[in-house]
Amino acid sequence: MTPPPIDCLHVVHQMWDYLDNELPAERWEEVRAHLATCTGCREHVEFCRSFLERIRDVPVEELEVAALRERVRGALRAEQFEER
């Protein structure tokens, strides 16, 4: 049986993991299917991709990246914007 489609809020909460290919295959496919039909989320993912492309070339130390990622994720969790 096919699970019900996920909504925009769930897609946005998983956007960065989706773009980083860090979602389980089934969840990745659910997000991809949603993006195929939702213009608003598709625009959001394109913005996020553009953001990632622009910061990819900024030279930083790997430890700084890891620390920043954890601070951002902690802030998102505190505001309940990230799934636990």
Protein backbone atom coordinates (compact mmCIF):
# COMPACT_ATOMS: atom_id res chain seq x y z
CA MET A 1 0.00 0.00 0.00
CA THR A 2 1.33 3.44 -0.93
CA PRO A 3 1.70 5.86 1.99
CA PRO A 4 -0.19 9.16 1.75
CA PRO A 5 1.77 12.02 0.19
CA ILE A 6 3.71 14.22 2.58
CA ASP A 7 2.75 17.87 2.99
CA CYS A 8 4.75 21.06 2.45
CA LEU A 9 5.70 21.44 6.12
CA HIS A 10 7.29 17.99 6.19
CA VAL A 11 9.12 18.70 2.93
CA VAL A 12 10.54 21.99 4.23
CA HIS A 13 11.64 20.31 7.48
CA GLN A 14 13.58 17.73 5.46
CA MET A 15 14.87 20.01 2.70
CA TRP A 16 18.54 20.14 3.71
CA ASP A 17 18.76 16.41 4.34
CA TYR A 18 17.10 15.86 0.96
CA LEU A 19 19.61 18.10 -0.79
CA ASP A 20 22.50 16.45 1.07
CA ASN A 21 21.18 12.97 0.11
CA GLU A 22 20.93 12.09 3.80
CA LEU A 23 17.34 10.79 3.75
CA PRO A 24 16.40 7.12 3.61
CA ALA A 25 15.51 6.11 0.04
CA GLU A 26 11.76 5.88 0.72
CA ARG A 27 11.63 9.32 2.38
CA TRP A 28 13.80 10.84 -0.38
CA GLU A 29 11.33 9.52 -2.96
CA GLU A 30 8.37 10.97 -1.02
CA VAL A 31 10.02 14.40 -1.01
CA ARG A 32 10.90 14.09 -4.71
CA ALA A 33 7.30 13.14 -5.54
CA HIS A 34 6.00 16.15 -3.60
CA LEU A 35 8.41 18.48 -5.39
CA ALA A 36 7.17 17.16 -8.73
CA THR A 37 3.70 18.54 -7.99
CA CYS A 38 4.22 21.53 -5.66
CA THR A 39 5.41 24.77 -7.25
CA GLY A 40 6.00 26.52 -3.92
CA CYS A 41 8.23 23.78 -2.54
CA ARG A 42 10.00 23.41 -5.87
CA GLU A 43 10.87 27.14 -5.77
CA HIS A 44 12.09 26.70 -2.19
CA VAL A 45 14.34 23.77 -3.11
CA GLU A 46 15.78 25.72 -6.04
CA PHE A 47 16.60 28.60 -3.68
CA CYS A 48 18.26 26.16 -1.28
CA ARG A 49 20.26 24.56 -4.12
CA SER A 50 21.40 27.99 -5.28
CA PHE A 51 22.43 28.86 -1.73
CA LEU A 52 24.45 25.65 -1.43
CA GLU A 53 26.16 26.25 -4.77
CA ARG A 54 27.18 29.76 -3.75
CA ILE A 55 28.63 28.76 -0.39
CA ARG A 56 30.34 25.63 -1.72
CA ASP A 57 33.34 27.64 -2.91
CA VAL A 58 33.83 29.56 0.34
CA PRO A 59 37.04 28.31 1.97
CA VAL A 60 36.43 27.13 5.55
CA GLU A 61 37.91 24.56 7.85
CA GLU A 62 35.99 21.27 8.16
CA LEU A 63 35.76 21.67 11.95
CA GLU A 64 34.14 25.08 11.52
CA VAL A 65 31.54 23.58 9.17
CA ALA A 66 30.69 20.78 11.59
CA ALA A 67 30.37 23.20 14.51
CA LEU A 68 28.18 25.55 12.49
CA ARG A 69 25.97 22.68 11.30
CA GLU A 70 25.41 21.56 14.89
CA ARG A 71 24.62 25.10 16.06
CA VAL A 72 22.10 25.55 13.25
CA ARG A 73 20.49 22.16 13.87
CA GLY A 74 20.32 22.90 17.60
CA ALA A 75 18.62 26.22 16.91
CA LEU A 76 16.18 24.55 14.51
CA ARG A 77 15.36 21.85 17.05
CA ALA A 78 14.83 24.49 19.74
CA GLU A 79 12.36 26.23 17.46
CA GLN A 80 10.85 22.87 16.44
CA PHE A 81 11.71 23.38 12.76
CA GLU A 82 13.66 20.16 12.43
CA GLU A 83 12.32 16.66 12.78
CA ARG A 84 13.81 14.74 15.67
